[in-house]
Protein backbone atom coordinates (compact mmCIF):
# COMPACT_ATOMS: atom_id res chain seq x y z
CA UNK A 1 -3.40 -45.58 37.48
CA UNK A 2 -1.09 -47.83 35.40
CA UNK A 3 1.81 -49.50 37.20
CA UNK A 4 4.35 -47.53 35.16
CA UNK A 5 2.99 -44.13 36.20
CA UNK A 6 5.57 -41.73 37.60
CA UNK A 7 5.34 -38.62 39.82
CA UNK A 8 4.46 -35.34 38.06
CA UNK A 9 7.32 -33.82 36.07
CA UNK A 10 8.62 -30.29 36.04
CA UNK A 11 8.68 -28.40 32.70
CA UNK A 12 12.46 -28.78 32.38
CA UNK A 13 12.15 -32.52 32.91
CA UNK A 14 9.87 -32.90 29.88
CA UNK A 15 12.52 -31.23 27.71
CA UNK A 16 15.18 -33.57 29.10
CA UNK A 17 12.95 -36.57 28.50
CA UNK A 18 12.26 -35.47 24.92
CA UNK A 19 16.02 -35.10 24.32
CA UNK A 20 16.53 -38.58 25.73
CA UNK A 21 13.91 -39.98 23.33
CA UNK A 22 15.52 -38.11 20.42
CA UNK A 23 18.90 -39.64 21.23
CA UNK A 24 17.36 -43.09 21.68
CA UNK A 25 15.74 -43.01 18.24
CA UNK A 26 18.49 -41.34 16.24
CA UNK A 27 21.27 -43.49 17.71
CA UNK A 28 19.34 -46.76 17.48
CA UNK A 29 17.50 -46.36 14.17
CA UNK A 30 19.35 -43.60 12.30
CA UNK A 31 21.86 -44.60 9.64
CA UNK A 32 23.15 -43.60 6.23
CA UNK A 33 21.05 -44.63 3.26
CA UNK A 34 23.03 -47.11 1.13
CA UNK A 35 26.12 -45.85 3.05
CA UNK A 36 25.90 -42.57 1.10
CA UNK A 37 27.52 -39.57 2.80
CA UNK A 38 25.16 -36.75 3.69
CA UNK A 39 22.16 -39.06 4.05
CA UNK A 40 20.12 -40.15 7.06
CA UNK A 41 17.22 -42.61 7.21
CA UNK A 42 15.35 -44.44 9.95
CA UNK A 43 15.69 -48.23 9.92
CA UNK A 44 12.20 -49.75 9.96
CA UNK A 45 13.12 -52.04 12.82
CA UNK A 46 16.08 -53.12 14.92
CA UNK A 47 17.96 -55.39 14.98
CA UNK A 48 18.61 -54.06 11.49
CA UNK A 49 19.70 -55.97 8.41
CA UNK A 50 20.98 -54.44 5.19
CA UNK A 51 18.33 -56.36 3.27
CA UNK A 52 15.63 -54.30 5.03
CA UNK A 53 16.55 -51.35 2.78
CA UNK A 54 14.97 -53.29 -0.08
CA UNK A 55 11.93 -54.45 1.86
CA UNK A 56 8.64 -52.65 2.51
CA UNK A 57 8.95 -48.88 2.23
CA UNK A 58 7.27 -46.92 5.03
CA UNK A 59 7.35 -43.41 3.55
CA UNK A 60 5.02 -41.86 6.12
CA UNK A 61 7.05 -43.14 9.08
CA UNK A 62 9.99 -41.13 7.73
CA UNK A 63 7.77 -38.07 7.34
CA UNK A 64 6.94 -38.26 11.05
CA UNK A 65 10.61 -38.78 11.79
CA UNK A 66 11.24 -35.43 10.10
CA UNK A 67 8.53 -33.85 12.26
CA UNK A 68 10.06 -35.23 15.46
CA UNK A 69 13.47 -33.89 14.48
CA UNK A 70 11.93 -30.47 13.86
CA UNK A 71 10.42 -30.57 17.35
CA UNK A 72 13.85 -31.27 18.78
CA UNK A 73 15.40 -28.62 16.56
CA UNK A 74 13.06 -26.00 17.97
CA UNK A 75 14.23 -26.82 21.47
CA UNK A 76 17.85 -26.67 20.30
CA UNK A 77 17.13 -23.20 18.98
CA UNK A 78 15.63 -22.14 22.31
CA UNK A 79 18.47 -23.51 24.45
CA UNK A 80 21.44 -23.07 22.11
CA UNK A 81 22.55 -26.63 22.83
CA UNK A 82 22.47 -29.66 20.51
CA UNK A 83 20.33 -32.53 21.73
CA UNK A 84 23.13 -35.09 21.24
CA UNK A 85 26.22 -33.09 22.05
CA UNK A 86 28.32 -30.58 20.18
CA UNK A 87 30.19 -33.14 18.07
CA UNK A 88 27.05 -34.63 16.51
CA UNK A 89 24.74 -33.11 13.88
CA UNK A 90 21.91 -30.89 15.02
CA UNK A 91 18.35 -32.13 14.75
CA UNK A 92 17.69 -29.69 11.92
CA UNK A 93 20.69 -30.99 9.97
CA UNK A 94 19.51 -34.58 10.41
CA UNK A 95 16.01 -33.61 9.29
CA UNK A 96 17.38 -32.02 6.13
CA UNK A 97 19.43 -35.12 5.37
CA UNK A 98 16.37 -37.26 6.00
CA UNK A 99 14.29 -35.37 3.42
CA UNK A 100 17.06 -35.91 0.88
CA UNK A 101 17.15 -39.59 1.76
CA UNK A 102 13.39 -39.99 1.41
CA UNK A 103 13.66 -38.79 -2.17
CA UNK A 104 16.52 -41.17 -2.96
CA UNK A 105 14.81 -44.14 -1.31
CA UNK A 106 11.53 -43.28 -3.05
CA UNK A 107 13.17 -43.72 -6.46
CA UNK A 108 14.37 -40.12 -6.76
CA UNK A 109 10.97 -38.52 -6.41
CA UNK A 110 8.63 -37.35 -3.66
CA UNK A 111 5.40 -38.44 -5.32
CA UNK A 112 3.91 -41.56 -3.78
CA UNK A 113 0.80 -43.68 -4.34
CA UNK A 114 -0.77 -42.48 -1.08
CA UNK A 115 -1.96 -38.91 -0.66
CA UNK A 116 -1.83 -39.09 3.13
CA UNK A 117 1.85 -40.09 3.03
CA UNK A 118 2.58 -37.08 0.85
CA UNK A 119 0.56 -34.77 3.09
CA UNK A 120 2.59 -35.72 6.15
CA UNK A 121 5.86 -35.07 4.30
CA UNK A 122 4.55 -31.73 3.00
CA UNK A 123 3.60 -30.69 6.54
CA UNK A 124 6.94 -31.73 8.00
CA UNK A 125 9.03 -29.98 5.32
CA UNK A 126 6.97 -26.82 5.82
CA UNK A 127 7.89 -26.89 9.51
CA UNK A 128 11.51 -27.68 8.63
CA UNK A 129 11.73 -24.57 6.46
CA UNK A 130 10.25 -22.46 9.25
CA UNK A 131 12.91 -23.82 11.59
CA UNK A 132 15.62 -23.03 9.04
CA UNK A 133 14.39 -19.47 8.72
CA UNK A 134 14.42 -19.01 12.48
CA UNK A 135 17.97 -20.34 12.70
CA UNK A 136 18.95 -18.00 9.84
CA UNK A 137 19.79 -20.97 7.66
CA UNK A 138 17.21 -20.68 4.89
CA UNK A 139 15.93 -24.00 3.65
CA UNK A 140 17.07 -25.32 0.33
CA UNK A 141 14.97 -24.86 -2.74
CA UNK A 142 14.43 -28.60 -2.53
CA UNK A 143 11.89 -28.20 0.25
CA UNK A 144 9.94 -25.66 -1.77
CA UNK A 145 10.05 -28.11 -4.67
CA UNK A 146 8.68 -30.84 -2.40
CA UNK A 147 5.65 -28.75 -1.61
CA UNK A 148 5.08 -27.48 -5.15
CA UNK A 149 5.18 -31.03 -6.43
CA UNK A 150 2.95 -32.42 -3.72
CA UNK A 151 0.45 -29.56 -3.83
CA UNK A 152 -0.32 -30.58 -7.40
CA UNK A 153 -1.05 -34.06 -6.10
CA UNK A 154 -3.38 -32.73 -3.41
CA UNK A 155 -5.28 -30.63 -5.91
CA UNK A 156 -5.70 -33.76 -8.02
CA UNK A 157 -6.94 -35.78 -5.03
CA UNK A 158 -9.58 -33.21 -4.03
CA UNK A 159 -12.48 -33.89 -6.39
CA UNK A 160 -16.25 -33.68 -6.28
CA UNK A 161 -16.60 -37.47 -6.23
CA UNK A 162 -18.65 -38.44 -3.16
CA UNK A 163 -19.43 -34.77 -2.64
CA UNK A 164 -15.86 -33.66 -1.91
CA UNK A 165 -12.97 -34.71 0.31
CA UNK A 166 -9.74 -36.20 -0.99
CA UNK A 167 -8.83 -39.62 -2.21
CA UNK A 168 -6.56 -41.75 -0.06
CA UNK A 169 -4.52 -43.26 -2.90
CA UNK A 170 -4.02 -43.14 -6.63
CA UNK A 171 -6.47 -46.06 -6.89
CA UNK A 172 -9.06 -43.31 -6.31
CA UNK A 173 -11.65 -45.59 -4.74
CA UNK A 174 -11.60 -44.36 -1.14
CA UNK A 175 -12.03 -40.88 0.35
CA UNK A 176 -11.12 -40.77 3.98
CA UNK A 177 -10.10 -38.84 7.06
CA UNK A 178 -6.43 -40.01 6.97
CA UNK A 179 -5.87 -38.12 3.71
CA UNK A 180 -8.46 -35.34 3.84
CA UNK A 181 -7.53 -34.05 7.30
CA UNK A 182 -3.75 -33.57 6.84
CA UNK A 183 -4.31 -32.13 3.37
CA UNK A 184 -6.81 -29.68 4.88
CA UNK A 185 -4.24 -28.75 7.53
CA UNK A 186 -1.59 -28.28 4.85
CA UNK A 187 -3.88 -26.05 2.78
CA UNK A 188 -4.71 -23.99 5.88
CA UNK A 189 -1.02 -23.51 6.74
CA UNK A 190 -0.07 -22.49 3.20
CA UNK A 191 -2.74 -19.81 2.73
CA UNK A 192 -5.35 -21.86 0.87
CA UNK A 193 -7.92 -21.40 3.59
CA UNK A 194 -10.98 -21.72 1.39
CA UNK A 195 -9.82 -25.11 0.12
CA UNK A 196 -9.08 -26.20 3.66
CA UNK A 197 -12.49 -25.15 4.93
CA UNK A 198 -14.26 -27.01 2.14
CA UNK A 199 -12.44 -30.20 3.15
CA UNK A 200 -13.20 -29.70 6.84
CA UNK A 201 -16.87 -29.10 6.02
CA UNK A 202 -16.93 -32.34 4.02
CA UNK A 203 -15.48 -34.24 6.98
CA UNK A 204 -18.06 -32.73 9.31
CA UNK A 205 -20.91 -33.65 6.97
CA UNK A 206 -19.80 -37.12 5.95
CA UNK A 207 -17.49 -38.64 8.55
CA UNK A 208 -18.31 -37.06 11.90
CA UNK A 209 -20.11 -39.61 14.05
CA UNK A 210 -22.91 -37.70 15.81
CA UNK A 211 -23.17 -40.29 18.55
CA UNK A 212 -19.63 -39.97 19.88
CA UNK A 213 -18.30 -36.74 18.32
CA UNK A 214 -15.35 -38.50 16.64
CA UNK A 215 -14.38 -38.85 12.98
CA UNK A 216 -14.86 -42.16 11.20
CA UNK A 217 -12.43 -43.60 8.70
CA UNK A 218 -13.90 -42.97 5.26
CA UNK A 219 -16.20 -43.61 2.31
CA UNK A 220 -15.28 -46.35 -0.12
CA UNK A 221 -16.51 -46.69 -3.70
CA UNK A 222 -17.49 -50.31 -4.24
CA UNK A 223 -19.51 -51.89 -7.06
CA UNK A 224 -20.89 -48.54 -8.09
CA UNK A 225 -22.05 -47.72 -4.56
CA UNK A 226 -20.67 -46.08 -1.44
CA UNK A 227 -19.65 -47.99 1.69
CA UNK A 228 -19.05 -46.21 4.99
CA UNK A 229 -15.96 -47.43 6.84
CA UNK A 230 -17.03 -46.44 10.35
CA UNK A 231 -13.94 -47.45 12.33
CA UNK A 232 -12.66 -44.83 14.79
CA UNK A 233 -8.88 -44.42 14.91
CA UNK A 234 -7.06 -42.21 17.39
CA UNK A 235 -4.76 -40.52 14.91
CA UNK A 236 -7.55 -39.42 12.57
CA UNK A 237 -8.77 -37.01 15.23
CA UNK A 238 -5.38 -35.28 15.41
CA UNK A 239 -5.08 -33.59 11.99
CA UNK A 240 -8.78 -32.70 12.03
CA UNK A 241 -8.18 -30.92 15.33
CA UNK A 242 -5.12 -29.23 13.85
CA UNK A 243 -7.06 -28.00 10.81
CA UNK A 244 -9.93 -26.68 12.97
CA UNK A 245 -7.49 -24.72 15.14
CA UNK A 246 -5.53 -23.42 12.15
CA UNK A 247 -8.66 -22.14 10.42
CA UNK A 248 -10.21 -20.67 13.57
CA UNK A 249 -13.53 -18.89 13.68
CA UNK A 250 -16.46 -19.59 15.95
CA UNK A 251 -17.79 -22.77 14.32
CA UNK A 252 -14.36 -24.37 13.92
CA UNK A 253 -13.28 -23.53 17.46
CA UNK A 254 -16.52 -24.87 18.92
CA UNK A 255 -16.04 -28.09 16.93
CA UNK A 256 -12.41 -28.30 18.11
CA UNK A 257 -13.48 -27.97 21.75
CA UNK A 258 -16.11 -30.66 21.24
CA UNK A 259 -13.52 -32.91 19.63
CA UNK A 260 -11.16 -32.54 22.60
CA UNK A 261 -13.95 -33.55 24.96
CA UNK A 262 -15.04 -36.41 22.69
CA UNK A 263 -11.46 -37.67 22.66
CA UNK A 264 -11.35 -37.63 26.45
CA UNK A 265 -14.61 -39.59 26.63
CA UNK A 266 -13.97 -42.10 23.88
CA UNK A 267 -10.26 -42.61 23.27
CA UNK A 268 -8.69 -42.81 26.71
CA UNK A 269 -7.93 -45.84 28.82
CA UNK A 270 -10.71 -46.43 31.36
CA UNK A 271 -10.15 -44.52 34.57
CA UNK A 272 -7.27 -42.45 33.17
CA UNK A 273 -6.53 -39.54 30.85
CA UNK A 274 -4.08 -41.69 28.86
CA UNK A 275 -4.79 -41.99 25.12
CA UNK A 276 -5.05 -45.67 24.30
CA UNK A 277 -2.48 -47.37 22.09
CA UNK A 278 -3.37 -48.89 18.72
CA UNK A 279 -0.74 -51.56 18.28
CA UNK A 280 2.42 -51.77 16.21
CA UNK A 281 3.16 -51.24 12.51
CA UNK A 282 1.35 -48.15 11.23
CA UNK A 283 -0.79 -48.24 14.37
CA UNK A 284 2.36 -47.64 16.37
CA UNK A 285 2.23 -43.98 15.30
CA UNK A 286 -1.44 -43.34 15.99
CA UNK A 287 -1.39 -42.27 19.64
CA UNK A 288 1.62 -40.00 19.15
CA UNK A 289 -0.02 -38.14 16.27
CA UNK A 290 -3.14 -37.44 18.31
CA UNK A 291 -1.08 -36.27 21.28
CA UNK A 292 0.84 -33.85 19.03
CA UNK A 293 -2.36 -32.03 18.10
CA UNK A 294 -3.82 -32.21 21.59
CA UNK A 295 -0.75 -30.26 22.69
CA UNK A 296 -1.57 -27.66 20.03
CA UNK A 297 -5.08 -27.45 21.50
CA UNK A 298 -3.71 -27.09 25.02
CA UNK A 299 -1.63 -24.10 23.87
CA UNK A 300 -4.35 -22.43 21.79
CA UNK A 301 -6.05 -19.54 23.58
CA UNK A 302 -8.91 -19.57 21.09
CA UNK A 303 -10.28 -22.60 22.93
CA UNK A 304 -12.26 -22.41 26.17
CA UNK A 305 -10.14 -22.94 29.26
CA UNK A 306 -11.87 -26.21 30.07
CA UNK A 307 -11.03 -27.76 26.71
CA UNK A 308 -7.44 -26.58 26.97
CA UNK A 309 -7.11 -28.11 30.43
CA UNK A 310 -8.58 -31.40 29.23
CA UNK A 311 -6.17 -31.50 26.28
CA UNK A 312 -3.21 -30.75 28.55
CA UNK A 313 -4.20 -33.49 30.97
CA UNK A 314 -4.32 -36.07 28.17
CA UNK A 315 -0.94 -34.99 26.77
CA UNK A 316 0.86 -35.10 30.10
CA UNK A 317 -0.78 -38.33 31.20
CA UNK A 318 0.07 -40.11 27.94
CA UNK A 319 3.62 -38.81 27.75
CA UNK A 320 4.13 -39.70 31.40
CA UNK A 321 2.94 -43.25 30.78
CA UNK A 322 5.30 -43.73 27.83
CA UNK A 323 8.18 -42.42 29.93
CA UNK A 324 7.31 -44.49 32.97
CA UNK A 325 7.08 -47.67 30.91
CA UNK A 326 10.41 -47.32 29.11
CA UNK A 327 13.08 -50.01 29.21
CA UNK A 328 16.69 -48.93 29.48
CA UNK A 329 18.80 -50.12 26.55
CA UNK A 330 22.38 -49.24 27.44
CA UNK A 331 24.28 -46.47 25.70
CA UNK A 332 21.62 -46.11 23.01
CA UNK A 333 19.07 -44.85 25.51
CA UNK A 334 15.65 -46.41 26.01
CA UNK A 335 13.06 -48.57 24.30
CA UNK A 336 9.47 -47.38 24.59
CA UNK A 337 6.35 -49.51 24.61
CA UNK A 338 3.80 -49.22 21.78
CA UNK A 339 1.09 -49.31 24.46
CA UNK A 340 1.36 -46.50 27.02
CA UNK A 341 -0.17 -48.64 29.80
CA UNK A 342 2.03 -51.69 29.27
CA UNK A 343 5.76 -51.55 30.08
CA UNK A 344 8.32 -52.01 27.32
CA UNK A 345 9.83 -54.90 29.29
CA UNK A 346 6.60 -56.73 28.45
CA UNK A 347 5.87 -55.51 24.90
CA UNK A 348 9.51 -55.32 23.79
CA UNK A 349 11.56 -57.64 26.04
CA UNK A 350 15.33 -57.71 25.59
CA UNK A 351 16.22 -59.22 22.21
CA UNK A 352 12.85 -58.51 20.58
CA UNK A 353 12.68 -56.64 17.26
CA UNK A 354 11.58 -53.03 17.85
CA UNK A 355 9.73 -51.00 15.22
CA UNK A 356 10.60 -47.41 14.37
CA UNK A 357 6.95 -46.31 14.34
CA UNK A 358 6.44 -47.12 18.01
CA UNK A 359 9.57 -45.27 19.09
CA UNK A 360 8.65 -42.19 17.05
CA UNK A 361 5.27 -42.28 18.77
CA UNK A 362 6.72 -42.05 22.28
CA UNK A 363 9.22 -39.39 21.17
CA UNK A 364 6.36 -37.39 19.63
CA UNK A 365 4.37 -37.58 22.86
CA UNK A 366 7.33 -36.44 24.95
CA UNK A 367 7.97 -33.55 22.55
CA UNK A 368 4.31 -32.60 22.84
CA UNK A 369 4.57 -32.50 26.63
CA UNK A 370 7.75 -30.43 26.41
CA UNK A 371 5.91 -27.72 24.43
CA UNK A 372 3.39 -27.03 27.17
CA UNK A 373 5.76 -25.17 29.44
CA UNK A 374 3.80 -25.94 32.58
CA UNK A 375 4.07 -28.46 35.36
CA UNK A 376 1.47 -31.19 35.58
């Protein structure tokens, strides 16, 4: 057991911990875009400098920021209390402002060079609209426009090159799990089930590693040939699992159960049920994304009880490790480690620059634990 492990938490404690993470991220990283009223964006790192607004643009980090805010918004809806007090905006309001800000920051459009980036934003805005409907505050037409615009991009990315799948970027030289899986999940959630199943079948045929039951990265077109990129990343398993569960049916559910067990065998820290970390930068999101979809598996009664229990164990163990390894950071809350088995005092000592991706990851994991509604 890692040194930062804590005693088992009660269901209400997970909700409180998720609220704490939400406050930590929104207060530390959230700010107006270009000082414009009605906007909200996540700084890429803190300490923050104004010049960072003109530096590298991490579109997909912001998409996951939207998703985390929707998670918090759903708990606000259930409890009737705002996560950061009555005088501050609700999570849903911040998420709506964030979508607006993504468009402004992305040169007044939602289309991007990377199809996986766009898929994550499409998924998060779909969930945001569902939240708005449940709160009786229908989403703006803007969110429907986001999805109409991006669906055209996904249709363009899904070609018969390499036998199917979707391209990763507009360079159109790489078809991979990072793009194909979230696009499949998006198609499944928006009623295009046949398209989604075709993409899942392509993943199963081309990128499922039969030796370990996990999905490899992708197929690259190079010098007129095809090169298999066989790296295994934690987060790639998440949206595949989500698409399998969303589509349902015997074959998909069996594959989902096998994927949960393969994850437990191959992607956890030795001797634990904790999903291993995959670094900082983009990798700082990977564990959180997988944990999000493992929580969906733990809640899904289509799955055998054993697979559900395994998924739950991984979610609670990983979330507990992130929580136990946090470093208190004054009135702004906590700093979380990018590696669930190393404390933040070691990975992010006082004064170190902290990346948004890694903090979203821990928040995502704590939100996932809060959805399970059971003690560990």
